[in-house]
Amino acid sequence: MISSESAERPAAALLPRPDESTVVIAPPGTGRGYWAGAPSAALGDDGIYLAYRLRRPIGAGRGYAIAVARSADGVRFETLTTIAREEVAAESLERPELVRDRSGRWRLYLSCATPGTKHWRIELLEAASPAEFDPGRRVVVLPGDAKTGVKDPVIRLNGTWQLWACCHPLADPADADQMVTDYATSPDGLEWTWHGTALSGRPGYWDSRGTRISAVWRDAGRVIAYYDGRATAAENYEERTGIAVGAEPESLVALGAHPAAESPYAGRGLRYLDILELPGGHRRIYYEMARPDGAHELRTELR
C-alpha cells in the first residue's frame, strides 16, 4: 500500500511554481479562447524539441495548428514546422505527443477532432527529424469508435510502448466532455492493446467530471502521474493539476481533496504538465496556464 504522504512528497517536487516560471510561447491573441499550450517535450542530440497546440476561440479556428520547435536551452524556441488542422482533415487539434524511438527516428502523435462530431482520433507522423513531418504521410493508430473518442496521448518507452490516453464517452452528446484515462501497450507504437481505465474522476471531488493524465514517471518502483481534472462541464478548458499514484501503470489512485496546482488568475486553469528528463539529473517542466486576461500561455521551469 502506498501512503498518500510518502507518495506526495517526491511528486510535489515537480509541481509547477508559476512565480518561478518563464513564458516560452505566448498565445496567438488576447482574451479567453486564445491558447498556446498542451506541450510535449523530447530530448534530441542537438537540444530540446517541443510540440504544442495553438488555439483560437470556438468559431474562430479552435485548435488550428500544431507547432514543432527546437531550443538549445529549453526556453528560447525556433519553430521548425507547423501542421494546420486542414492538413489532417481535423475540425480541431489538441495535445500532440512527440517521441524519439529507439532507432533515433521521430514520431508525432496528433489528436484530431472528426469534423461535425464529438469524436476524436489519434494519427501518427514519422520522420528522420522533427523538421520533416509530412501530414500527407499520416496513419491512424487509435481510431476510437462510435462510443468513444480518444485523444491527448502520453507515451513512454519502458521495455515496451506504454500509452495513457484521454477517452470521452459519445453515446450522449451532453456527456461528451466527461473524460477518463485508459492505459494501453504496444510492441511497436502502432498496434495497441487496451488494458482498461487507469484513472477516473471521484464523485464529490474537484475532479469528479473527468481526469486526463498528462505526465507519468517512476519513483522507487511506483508510478506517479500528473493529471488534469474538473468538477463540472463549465470548467472545461480550465482544468487544474492533480497527482495520482499506483504500483502498476494501469491502476492509479488520485491523491488529495484539492488540486495540487492551479493558476492564480482567471479560471485557474493550469494543465497539460509535461516533464522532460535532462542529463545530469535535472528536469524541465512545461505546462499551459491561464493568465489574467483569460488567455493561456505555455510556461517552463527547470528543476
C-alpha atoms as a PDB file:
ATOM      1  CA  MET A   1       0.000   0.000   0.000  1.00  0.00           C
ATOM      2  CA  ILE A   2       1.355   3.437  -0.966  1.00  0.00           C
ATOM      3  CA  SER A   3       0.614   6.062   1.647  1.00  0.00           C
ATOM      4  CA  SER A   4      -0.658   9.421   0.487  1.00  0.00           C
ATOM      5  CA  GLU A   5       2.034  11.274   2.425  1.00  0.00           C
ATOM      6  CA  SER A   6       5.001   9.237   1.120  1.00  0.00           C
ATOM      7  CA  ALA A   7       3.755   9.457  -2.469  1.00  0.00           C
ATOM      8  CA  GLU A   8       3.054  13.173  -2.425  1.00  0.00           C
ATOM      9  CA  ARG A   9       6.500  14.227  -1.235  1.00  0.00           C
ATOM     10  CA  PRO A  10       8.507  13.312  -4.384  1.00  0.00           C
ATOM     11  CA  ALA A  11       5.602  14.151  -6.654  1.00  0.00           C
ATOM     12  CA  ALA A  12       5.223  17.642  -5.199  1.00  0.00           C
ATOM     13  CA  ALA A  13       8.826  18.436  -6.138  1.00  0.00           C
ATOM     14  CA  LEU A  14       7.794  18.605  -9.793  1.00  0.00           C
ATOM     15  CA  LEU A  15       4.607  20.606  -9.381  1.00  0.00           C
ATOM     16  CA  PRO A  16       4.506  23.989 -11.170  1.00  0.00           C
ATOM     17  CA  ARG A  17       5.548  27.118  -9.286  1.00  0.00           C
ATOM     18  CA  PRO A  18       4.273  29.855 -11.597  1.00  0.00           C
ATOM     19  CA  ASP A  19       6.163  32.626  -9.822  1.00  0.00           C
ATOM     20  CA  GLU A  20       9.413  30.817 -10.735  1.00  0.00           C
ATOM     21  CA  SER A  21       8.442  30.104 -14.345  1.00  0.00           C
ATOM     22  CA  THR A  22       9.275  31.628 -17.718  1.00  0.00           C
ATOM     23  CA  VAL A  23       6.845  32.144 -20.586  1.00  0.00           C
ATOM     24  CA  VAL A  24       8.015  30.060 -23.543  1.00  0.00           C
ATOM     25  CA  ILE A  25       5.201  30.564 -26.062  1.00  0.00           C
ATOM     26  CA  ALA A  26       2.621  33.357 -25.901  1.00  0.00           C
ATOM     27  CA  PRO A  27      -0.963  32.762 -27.075  1.00  0.00           C
ATOM     28  CA  PRO A  28      -1.931  33.888 -30.592  1.00  0.00           C
ATOM     29  CA  GLY A  29      -4.313  36.546 -29.247  1.00  0.00           C
ATOM     30  CA  THR A  30      -5.592  38.183 -26.078  1.00  0.00           C
ATOM     31  CA  GLY A  31      -8.581  37.077 -24.023  1.00  0.00           C
ATOM     32  CA  ARG A  32     -10.438  33.825 -23.434  1.00  0.00           C
ATOM     33  CA  GLY A  33     -10.113  31.102 -26.031  1.00  0.00           C
ATOM     34  CA  TYR A  34      -6.641  32.065 -27.242  1.00  0.00           C
ATOM     35  CA  TRP A  35      -4.185  29.415 -26.111  1.00  0.00           C
ATOM     36  CA  ALA A  36      -0.629  28.262 -26.601  1.00  0.00           C
ATOM     37  CA  GLY A  37      -0.044  25.052 -24.723  1.00  0.00           C
ATOM     38  CA  ALA A  38      -0.699  21.309 -24.473  1.00  0.00           C
ATOM     39  CA  PRO A  39       3.095  20.755 -24.694  1.00  0.00           C
ATOM     40  CA  SER A  40       5.075  17.605 -25.377  1.00  0.00           C
ATOM     41  CA  ALA A  41       8.851  17.830 -24.983  1.00  0.00           C
ATOM     42  CA  ALA A  42      11.583  15.413 -26.096  1.00  0.00           C
ATOM     43  CA  LEU A  43      15.359  15.438 -25.960  1.00  0.00           C
ATOM     44  CA  GLY A  44      17.379  15.354 -29.183  1.00  0.00           C
ATOM     45  CA  ASP A  45      21.105  15.236 -29.892  1.00  0.00           C
ATOM     46  CA  ASP A  46      21.151  18.978 -30.539  1.00  0.00           C
ATOM     47  CA  GLY A  47      18.711  20.348 -27.996  1.00  0.00           C
ATOM     48  CA  ILE A  48      15.165  20.180 -26.695  1.00  0.00           C
ATOM     49  CA  TYR A  49      12.271  19.691 -29.082  1.00  0.00           C
ATOM     50  CA  LEU A  50       8.779  20.846 -28.226  1.00  0.00           C
ATOM     51  CA  ALA A  51       5.427  20.154 -29.893  1.00  0.00           C
ATOM     52  CA  TYR A  52       2.453  22.253 -28.805  1.00  0.00           C
ATOM     53  CA  ARG A  53      -1.058  23.298 -29.798  1.00  0.00           C
ATOM     54  CA  LEU A  54      -2.189  26.747 -30.909  1.00  0.00           C
ATOM     55  CA  ARG A  55      -5.836  27.657 -30.461  1.00  0.00           C
ATOM     56  CA  ARG A  56      -8.318  30.421 -31.174  1.00  0.00           C
ATOM     57  CA  PRO A  57     -11.859  30.709 -29.713  1.00  0.00           C
ATOM     58  CA  ILE A  58     -14.652  28.445 -30.921  1.00  0.00           C
ATOM     59  CA  GLY A  59     -15.896  29.893 -34.188  1.00  0.00           C
ATOM     60  CA  ALA A  60     -12.510  31.441 -34.947  1.00  0.00           C
ATOM     61  CA  GLY A  61     -10.478  28.303 -35.530  1.00  0.00           C
ATOM     62  CA  ARG A  62     -10.360  26.275 -32.276  1.00  0.00           C
ATOM     63  CA  GLY A  63      -7.177  24.171 -32.240  1.00  0.00           C
ATOM     64  CA  TYR A  64      -5.948  25.387 -35.587  1.00  0.00           C
ATOM     65  CA  ALA A  65      -2.330  24.159 -35.618  1.00  0.00           C
ATOM     66  CA  ILE A  66       0.409  22.087 -34.028  1.00  0.00           C
ATOM     67  CA  ALA A  67       3.873  23.643 -33.968  1.00  0.00           C
ATOM     68  CA  VAL A  68       7.164  21.790 -33.577  1.00  0.00           C
ATOM     69  CA  ALA A  69      10.135  23.815 -32.343  1.00  0.00           C
ATOM     70  CA  ARG A  70      13.742  23.400 -31.174  1.00  0.00           C
ATOM     71  CA  SER A  71      15.722  25.087 -28.404  1.00  0.00           C
ATOM     72  CA  ALA A  72      19.288  24.904 -27.128  1.00  0.00           C
ATOM     73  CA  ASP A  73      18.325  25.994 -23.623  1.00  0.00           C
ATOM     74  CA  GLY A  74      14.717  24.832 -23.287  1.00  0.00           C
ATOM     75  CA  VAL A  75      13.409  28.401 -23.106  1.00  0.00           C
ATOM     76  CA  ARG A  76      14.006  30.160 -26.440  1.00  0.00           C
ATOM     77  CA  PHE A  77      12.458  28.130 -29.264  1.00  0.00           C
ATOM     78  CA  GLU A  78      12.730  28.309 -33.046  1.00  0.00           C
ATOM     79  CA  THR A  79       9.742  26.937 -34.969  1.00  0.00           C
ATOM     80  CA  LEU A  80      10.700  24.126 -37.340  1.00  0.00           C
ATOM     81  CA  THR A  81       7.318  23.246 -38.809  1.00  0.00           C
ATOM     82  CA  THR A  82       3.627  23.916 -38.309  1.00  0.00           C
ATOM     83  CA  ILE A  83       0.815  21.481 -39.125  1.00  0.00           C
ATOM     84  CA  ALA A  84      -2.576  23.045 -39.774  1.00  0.00           C
ATOM     85  CA  ARG A  85      -5.838  21.304 -38.916  1.00  0.00           C
ATOM     86  CA  GLU A  86      -6.866  21.369 -42.595  1.00  0.00           C
ATOM     87  CA  GLU A  87      -3.791  19.300 -43.498  1.00  0.00           C
ATOM     88  CA  VAL A  88      -5.049  16.399 -41.374  1.00  0.00           C
ATOM     89  CA  ALA A  89      -8.786  16.807 -42.052  1.00  0.00           C
ATOM     90  CA  ALA A  90      -9.488  17.781 -38.449  1.00  0.00           C
ATOM     91  CA  GLU A  91     -12.004  20.244 -37.073  1.00  0.00           C
ATOM     92  CA  SER A  92      -9.607  20.916 -34.209  1.00  0.00           C
ATOM     93  CA  LEU A  93      -6.246  19.710 -32.911  1.00  0.00           C
ATOM     94  CA  GLU A  94      -5.451  19.010 -29.271  1.00  0.00           C
ATOM     95  CA  ARG A  95      -2.376  17.825 -27.368  1.00  0.00           C
ATOM     96  CA  PRO A  96       0.300  16.154 -29.552  1.00  0.00           C
ATOM     97  CA  GLU A  97       2.879  13.655 -28.330  1.00  0.00           C
ATOM     98  CA  LEU A  98       6.461  13.933 -29.614  1.00  0.00           C
ATOM     99  CA  VAL A  99       8.547  10.761 -29.259  1.00  0.00           C
ATOM    100  CA  ARG A 100      12.034   9.712 -30.319  1.00  0.00           C
ATOM    101  CA  ASP A 101      12.099   5.950 -30.767  1.00  0.00           C
ATOM    102  CA  ARG A 102      14.950   3.557 -30.037  1.00  0.00           C
ATOM    103  CA  SER A 103      16.295   3.815 -33.584  1.00  0.00           C
ATOM    104  CA  GLY A 104      16.554   7.602 -33.363  1.00  0.00           C
ATOM    105  CA  ARG A 105      13.600   8.313 -35.630  1.00  0.00           C
ATOM    106  CA  TRP A 106      10.905  10.746 -34.554  1.00  0.00           C
ATOM    107  CA  ARG A 107       7.173  10.300 -34.162  1.00  0.00           C
ATOM    108  CA  LEU A 108       4.437  12.875 -33.732  1.00  0.00           C
ATOM    109  CA  TYR A 109       1.083  11.596 -32.487  1.00  0.00           C
ATOM    110  CA  LEU A 110      -1.747  14.022 -33.291  1.00  0.00           C
ATOM    111  CA  SER A 111      -5.119  14.396 -31.538  1.00  0.00           C
ATOM    112  CA  CYS A 112      -7.642  15.089 -34.310  1.00  0.00           C
ATOM    113  CA  ALA A 113     -11.312  16.047 -33.961  1.00  0.00           C
ATOM    114  CA  THR A 114     -13.510  14.451 -36.612  1.00  0.00           C
ATOM    115  CA  PRO A 115     -15.465  17.286 -38.332  1.00  0.00           C
ATOM    116  CA  GLY A 116     -19.127  17.644 -37.390  1.00  0.00           C
ATOM    117  CA  THR A 117     -18.922  15.227 -34.462  1.00  0.00           C
ATOM    118  CA  LYS A 118     -17.749  14.941 -30.837  1.00  0.00           C
ATOM    119  CA  HIS A 119     -15.375  12.168 -31.926  1.00  0.00           C
ATOM    120  CA  TRP A 120     -11.569  12.280 -31.589  1.00  0.00           C
ATOM    121  CA  ARG A 121      -8.893  10.022 -33.082  1.00  0.00           C
ATOM    122  CA  ILE A 122      -5.099   9.806 -32.872  1.00  0.00           C
ATOM    123  CA  GLU A 123      -2.954   9.857 -36.009  1.00  0.00           C
ATOM    124  CA  LEU A 124       0.792   9.349 -36.423  1.00  0.00           C
ATOM    125  CA  LEU A 125       3.512  11.059 -38.443  1.00  0.00           C
ATOM    126  CA  GLU A 126       7.057   9.669 -38.678  1.00  0.00           C
ATOM    127  CA  ALA A 127      10.253  11.374 -39.851  1.00  0.00           C
ATOM    128  CA  ALA A 128      14.039  11.286 -39.584  1.00  0.00           C
ATOM    129  CA  SER A 129      13.949  14.676 -37.839  1.00  0.00           C
ATOM    130  CA  PRO A 130      11.238  16.823 -36.216  1.00  0.00           C
ATOM    131  CA  ALA A 131      11.519  19.374 -39.051  1.00  0.00           C
ATOM    132  CA  GLU A 132      10.434  16.781 -41.632  1.00  0.00           C
ATOM    133  CA  PHE A 133       6.976  15.675 -40.504  1.00  0.00           C
ATOM    134  CA  ASP A 134       4.743  15.347 -43.575  1.00  0.00           C
ATOM    135  CA  PRO A 135       0.986  15.408 -42.860  1.00  0.00           C
ATOM    136  CA  GLY A 136       0.375  13.759 -46.221  1.00  0.00           C
ATOM    137  CA  ARG A 137       2.003  10.575 -44.888  1.00  0.00           C
ATOM    138  CA  ARG A 138      -0.010  10.116 -41.707  1.00  0.00           C
ATOM    139  CA  VAL A 139      -1.696   6.948 -40.444  1.00  0.00           C
ATOM    140  CA  VAL A 140      -4.496   6.432 -37.910  1.00  0.00           C
ATOM    141  CA  VAL A 141      -3.206   4.436 -34.933  1.00  0.00           C
ATOM    142  CA  LEU A 142      -6.005   4.942 -32.383  1.00  0.00           C
ATOM    143  CA  PRO A 143      -9.299   5.475 -34.214  1.00  0.00           C
ATOM    144  CA  GLY A 144     -11.685   5.385 -31.257  1.00  0.00           C
ATOM    145  CA  ASP A 145     -15.158   4.208 -32.211  1.00  0.00           C
ATOM    146  CA  ALA A 146     -18.813   5.228 -32.211  1.00  0.00           C
ATOM    147  CA  LYS A 147     -18.922   5.092 -28.409  1.00  0.00           C
ATOM    148  CA  THR A 148     -15.544   6.613 -27.532  1.00  0.00           C
ATOM    149  CA  GLY A 149     -13.352   9.490 -28.651  1.00  0.00           C
ATOM    150  CA  VAL A 150      -9.630   9.166 -27.887  1.00  0.00           C
ATOM    151  CA  LYS A 151      -7.012  11.927 -27.712  1.00  0.00           C
ATOM    152  CA  ASP A 152      -4.185  13.564 -25.706  1.00  0.00           C
ATOM    153  CA  PRO A 153      -1.796  10.582 -25.632  1.00  0.00           C
ATOM    154  CA  VAL A 154       1.073  10.245 -23.167  1.00  0.00           C
ATOM    155  CA  ILE A 155       3.624   7.687 -24.376  1.00  0.00           C
ATOM    156  CA  ARG A 156       6.619   6.132 -22.625  1.00  0.00           C
ATOM    157  CA  LEU A 157       9.145   3.536 -23.828  1.00  0.00           C
ATOM    158  CA  ASN A 158       9.837   1.210 -20.925  1.00  0.00           C
ATOM    159  CA  GLY A 159      10.741  -2.167 -22.382  1.00  0.00           C
ATOM    160  CA  THR A 160       7.526  -1.884 -24.354  1.00  0.00           C
ATOM    161  CA  TRP A 161       5.497   1.071 -25.612  1.00  0.00           C
ATOM    162  CA  GLN A 162       3.144   2.376 -22.914  1.00  0.00           C
ATOM    163  CA  LEU A 163       0.266   4.786 -23.516  1.00  0.00           C
ATOM    164  CA  TRP A 164      -2.203   6.690 -21.379  1.00  0.00           C
ATOM    165  CA  ALA A 165      -4.937   8.350 -23.446  1.00  0.00           C
ATOM    166  CA  CYS A 166      -7.886  10.577 -22.625  1.00  0.00           C
ATOM    167  CA  CYS A 167     -11.173   8.895 -23.554  1.00  0.00           C
ATOM    168  CA  HIS A 168     -14.566  10.618 -23.922  1.00  0.00           C
ATOM    169  CA  PRO A 169     -17.994   8.904 -23.982  1.00  0.00           C
ATOM    170  CA  LEU A 170     -20.006   9.664 -27.126  1.00  0.00           C
ATOM    171  CA  ALA A 171     -23.351   7.920 -26.576  1.00  0.00           C
ATOM    172  CA  ASP A 172     -24.905  11.088 -25.120  1.00  0.00           C
ATOM    173  CA  PRO A 173     -23.587  14.405 -26.528  1.00  0.00           C
ATOM    174  CA  ALA A 174     -24.344  16.068 -23.192  1.00  0.00           C
ATOM    175  CA  ASP A 175     -21.771  13.808 -21.534  1.00  0.00           C
ATOM    176  CA  ALA A 176     -19.057  14.053 -24.201  1.00  0.00           C
ATOM    177  CA  ASP A 177     -16.991  16.453 -22.081  1.00  0.00           C
ATOM    178  CA  GLN A 178     -16.507  13.765 -19.437  1.00  0.00           C
ATOM    179  CA  MET A 179     -13.160  12.027 -19.546  1.00  0.00           C
ATOM    180  CA  VAL A 180     -11.186   9.130 -18.111  1.00  0.00           C
ATOM    181  CA  THR A 181      -7.661   7.956 -18.851  1.00  0.00           C
ATOM    182  CA  ASP A 182      -7.252   4.467 -20.298  1.00  0.00           C
ATOM    183  CA  TYR A 183      -3.991   2.518 -20.479  1.00  0.00           C
ATOM    184  CA  ALA A 184      -2.601   0.561 -23.449  1.00  0.00           C
ATOM    185  CA  THR A 185       0.612  -1.169 -24.527  1.00  0.00           C
ATOM    186  CA  SER A 186       2.212  -1.913 -27.877  1.00  0.00           C
ATOM    187  CA  PRO A 187       5.277  -3.713 -29.242  1.00  0.00           C
ATOM    188  CA  ASP A 188       5.842  -1.023 -31.868  1.00  0.00           C
ATOM    189  CA  GLY A 189       3.797   2.092 -31.036  1.00  0.00           C
ATOM    190  CA  LEU A 190       1.407   1.340 -33.901  1.00  0.00           C
ATOM    191  CA  GLU A 191      -0.869  -1.516 -32.843  1.00  0.00           C
ATOM    192  CA  TRP A 192      -2.175  -1.032 -29.311  1.00  0.00           C
ATOM    193  CA  THR A 193      -3.791  -3.341 -26.750  1.00  0.00           C
ATOM    194  CA  TRP A 194      -6.055  -1.673 -24.195  1.00  0.00           C
ATOM    195  CA  HIS A 195      -5.868  -2.716 -20.531  1.00  0.00           C
ATOM    196  CA  GLY A 196      -8.741  -0.729 -19.057  1.00  0.00           C
ATOM    197  CA  THR A 197      -9.152   2.561 -17.212  1.00  0.00           C
ATOM    198  CA  ALA A 198      -6.104   3.736 -15.267  1.00  0.00           C
ATOM    199  CA  LEU A 199      -7.672   6.839 -13.714  1.00  0.00           C
ATOM    200  CA  SER A 200     -11.205   8.214 -13.470  1.00  0.00           C
ATOM    201  CA  GLY A 201     -12.980  11.003 -11.598  1.00  0.00           C
ATOM    202  CA  ARG A 202     -14.008  10.827  -7.953  1.00  0.00           C
ATOM    203  CA  PRO A 203     -17.650  11.680  -7.159  1.00  0.00           C
ATOM    204  CA  GLY A 204     -17.898  14.703  -4.910  1.00  0.00           C
ATOM    205  CA  TYR A 205     -14.335  15.867  -5.523  1.00  0.00           C
ATOM    206  CA  TRP A 206     -12.769  18.604  -7.664  1.00  0.00           C
ATOM    207  CA  ASP A 207     -12.017  16.033 -10.401  1.00  0.00           C
ATOM    208  CA  SER A 208     -15.431  14.339 -10.499  1.00  0.00           C
ATOM    209  CA  ARG A 209     -16.225  15.282 -14.114  1.00  0.00           C
ATOM    210  CA  GLY A 210     -13.020  13.955 -15.581  1.00  0.00           C
ATOM    211  CA  THR A 211      -9.333  13.044 -15.312  1.00  0.00           C
ATOM    212  CA  ARG A 212      -6.757  13.318 -18.095  1.00  0.00           C
ATOM    213  CA  ILE A 213      -3.203  12.123 -17.403  1.00  0.00           C
ATOM    214  CA  SER A 214      -0.584  14.465 -18.851  1.00  0.00           C
ATOM    215  CA  ALA A 215       2.730  13.149 -17.480  1.00  0.00           C
ATOM    216  CA  VAL A 216       3.998   9.892 -15.997  1.00  0.00           C
ATOM    217  CA  TRP A 217       7.265   8.952 -14.302  1.00  0.00           C
ATOM    218  CA  ARG A 218       8.560   6.335 -11.879  1.00  0.00           C
ATOM    219  CA  ASP A 219       9.920   6.826  -8.373  1.00  0.00           C
ATOM    220  CA  ALA A 220      11.179   3.937  -6.239  1.00  0.00           C
ATOM    221  CA  GLY A 221       9.129   1.435  -8.194  1.00  0.00           C
ATOM    222  CA  ARG A 222       5.939   3.479  -8.027  1.00  0.00           C
ATOM    223  CA  VAL A 223       4.125   5.089 -10.924  1.00  0.00           C
ATOM    224  CA  ILE A 224       3.447   8.782 -10.353  1.00  0.00           C
ATOM    225  CA  ALA A 225       1.103  10.582 -12.731  1.00  0.00           C
ATOM    226  CA  TYR A 226       0.064  14.197 -13.074  1.00  0.00           C
ATOM    227  CA  TYR A 227      -3.401  14.773 -14.432  1.00  0.00           C
ATOM    228  CA  ASP A 228      -5.915  17.447 -15.411  1.00  0.00           C
ATOM    229  CA  GLY A 229      -9.222  17.391 -13.577  1.00  0.00           C
ATOM    230  CA  ARG A 230     -12.502  19.254 -13.448  1.00  0.00           C
ATOM    231  CA  ALA A 231     -15.701  19.034 -11.421  1.00  0.00           C
ATOM    232  CA  THR A 232     -18.235  20.374 -13.923  1.00  0.00           C
ATOM    233  CA  ALA A 233     -18.773  20.810 -17.639  1.00  0.00           C
ATOM    234  CA  ALA A 234     -18.464  24.571 -17.071  1.00  0.00           C
ATOM    235  CA  GLU A 235     -14.829  24.019 -16.034  1.00  0.00           C
ATOM    236  CA  ASN A 236     -13.984  22.548 -19.430  1.00  0.00           C
ATOM    237  CA  TYR A 237     -10.815  24.260 -20.753  1.00  0.00           C
ATOM    238  CA  GLU A 238      -9.827  25.377 -17.231  1.00  0.00           C
ATOM    239  CA  GLU A 239      -8.711  22.101 -15.709  1.00  0.00           C
ATOM    240  CA  ARG A 240      -6.304  22.100 -12.783  1.00  0.00           C
ATOM    241  CA  THR A 241      -3.460  19.723 -11.973  1.00  0.00           C
ATOM    242  CA  GLY A 242      -3.642  16.745  -9.636  1.00  0.00           C
ATOM    243  CA  ILE A 243      -1.396  13.836  -8.620  1.00  0.00           C
ATOM    244  CA  ALA A 244      -2.177  10.123  -8.843  1.00  0.00           C
ATOM    245  CA  VAL A 245      -0.038   7.133  -7.843  1.00  0.00           C
ATOM    246  CA  GLY A 246      -0.039   3.370  -8.162  1.00  0.00           C
ATOM    247  CA  ALA A 247       2.078   0.250  -8.106  1.00  0.00           C
ATOM    248  CA  GLU A 248       1.086  -0.523 -11.705  1.00  0.00           C
ATOM    249  CA  PRO A 249       0.571   1.789 -14.706  1.00  0.00           C
ATOM    250  CA  GLU A 250      -2.968   0.562 -15.365  1.00  0.00           C
ATOM    251  CA  SER A 251      -4.308   1.296 -11.877  1.00  0.00           C
ATOM    252  CA  LEU A 252      -3.731   4.726 -10.342  1.00  0.00           C
ATOM    253  CA  VAL A 253      -5.306   6.446  -7.344  1.00  0.00           C
ATOM    254  CA  ALA A 254      -5.789  10.204  -7.137  1.00  0.00           C
ATOM    255  CA  LEU A 255      -4.354  11.957  -4.065  1.00  0.00           C
ATOM    256  CA  GLY A 256      -5.737  14.862  -2.095  1.00  0.00           C
ATOM    257  CA  ALA A 257      -9.084  16.572  -1.727  1.00  0.00           C
ATOM    258  CA  HIS A 258      -7.962  19.647  -3.676  1.00  0.00           C
ATOM    259  CA  PRO A 259      -5.979  20.408  -6.849  1.00  0.00           C
ATOM    260  CA  ALA A 260      -2.213  20.218  -6.413  1.00  0.00           C
ATOM    261  CA  ALA A 261      -1.541  23.179  -8.730  1.00  0.00           C
ATOM    262  CA  GLU A 262      -3.630  25.888 -10.368  1.00  0.00           C
ATOM    263  CA  SER A 263      -3.284  29.335 -11.901  1.00  0.00           C
ATOM    264  CA  PRO A 264      -3.785  32.349  -9.651  1.00  0.00           C
ATOM    265  CA  TYR A 265      -5.641  34.046 -12.500  1.00  0.00           C
ATOM    266  CA  ALA A 266      -8.943  33.941 -14.385  1.00  0.00           C
ATOM    267  CA  GLY A 267     -10.455  30.447 -14.460  1.00  0.00           C
ATOM    268  CA  ARG A 268      -7.490  28.980 -12.521  1.00  0.00           C
ATOM    269  CA  GLY A 269      -6.601  26.688 -15.404  1.00  0.00           C
ATOM    270  CA  LEU A 270      -3.174  25.025 -15.121  1.00  0.00           C
ATOM    271  CA  ARG A 271      -2.978  21.874 -17.207  1.00  0.00           C
ATOM    272  CA  TYR A 272      -1.046  19.616 -19.582  1.00  0.00           C
ATOM    273  CA  LEU A 273       2.017  19.383 -17.341  1.00  0.00           C
ATOM    274  CA  ASP A 274       4.879  17.608 -19.139  1.00  0.00           C
ATOM    275  CA  ILE A 275       8.188  16.520 -17.594  1.00  0.00           C
ATOM    276  CA  LEU A 276      11.444  16.179 -19.547  1.00  0.00           C
ATOM    277  CA  GLU A 277      14.385  14.281 -18.049  1.00  0.00           C
ATOM    278  CA  LEU A 278      17.691  16.072 -18.734  1.00  0.00           C
ATOM    279  CA  PRO A 279      21.309  14.926 -18.477  1.00  0.00           C
ATOM    280  CA  GLY A 280      22.801  15.401 -15.034  1.00  0.00           C
ATOM    281  CA  GLY A 281      19.627  14.602 -13.143  1.00  0.00           C
ATOM    282  CA  HIS A 282      17.784  17.833 -13.891  1.00  0.00           C
ATOM    283  CA  ARG A 283      14.229  18.010 -15.182  1.00  0.00           C
ATOM    284  CA  ARG A 284      12.459  20.693 -17.164  1.00  0.00           C
ATOM    285  CA  ILE A 285       8.708  21.000 -16.848  1.00  0.00           C
ATOM    286  CA  TYR A 286       6.336  22.596 -19.349  1.00  0.00           C
ATOM    287  CA  TYR A 287       2.685  23.439 -18.810  1.00  0.00           C
ATOM    288  CA  GLU A 288      -0.235  25.544 -20.021  1.00  0.00           C
ATOM    289  CA  MET A 289      -1.554  28.208 -17.652  1.00  0.00           C
ATOM    290  CA  ALA A 290      -4.336  30.799 -17.657  1.00  0.00           C
ATOM    291  CA  ARG A 291      -3.137  34.392 -17.434  1.00  0.00           C
ATOM    292  CA  PRO A 292      -5.059  37.454 -16.136  1.00  0.00           C
ATOM    293  CA  ASP A 293      -6.874  38.184 -19.428  1.00  0.00           C
ATOM    294  CA  GLY A 294      -8.131  34.589 -19.707  1.00  0.00           C
ATOM    295  CA  ALA A 295      -5.757  33.546 -22.485  1.00  0.00           C
ATOM    296  CA  HIS A 296      -3.458  30.565 -21.879  1.00  0.00           C
ATOM    297  CA  GLU A 297       0.329  30.676 -22.268  1.00  0.00           C
ATOM    298  CA  LEU A 298       2.979  27.979 -22.309  1.00  0.00           C
ATOM    299  CA  ARG A 299       5.464  28.159 -19.417  1.00  0.00           C
ATOM    300  CA  THR A 300       8.570  26.281 -18.288  1.00  0.00           C
ATOM    301  CA  GLU A 301      10.668  25.720 -15.157  1.00  0.00           C
ATOM    302  CA  LEU A 302      13.994  23.968 -14.516  1.00  0.00           C
ATOM    303  CA  ARG A 303      14.250  21.607 -11.539  1.00  0.00           C
END
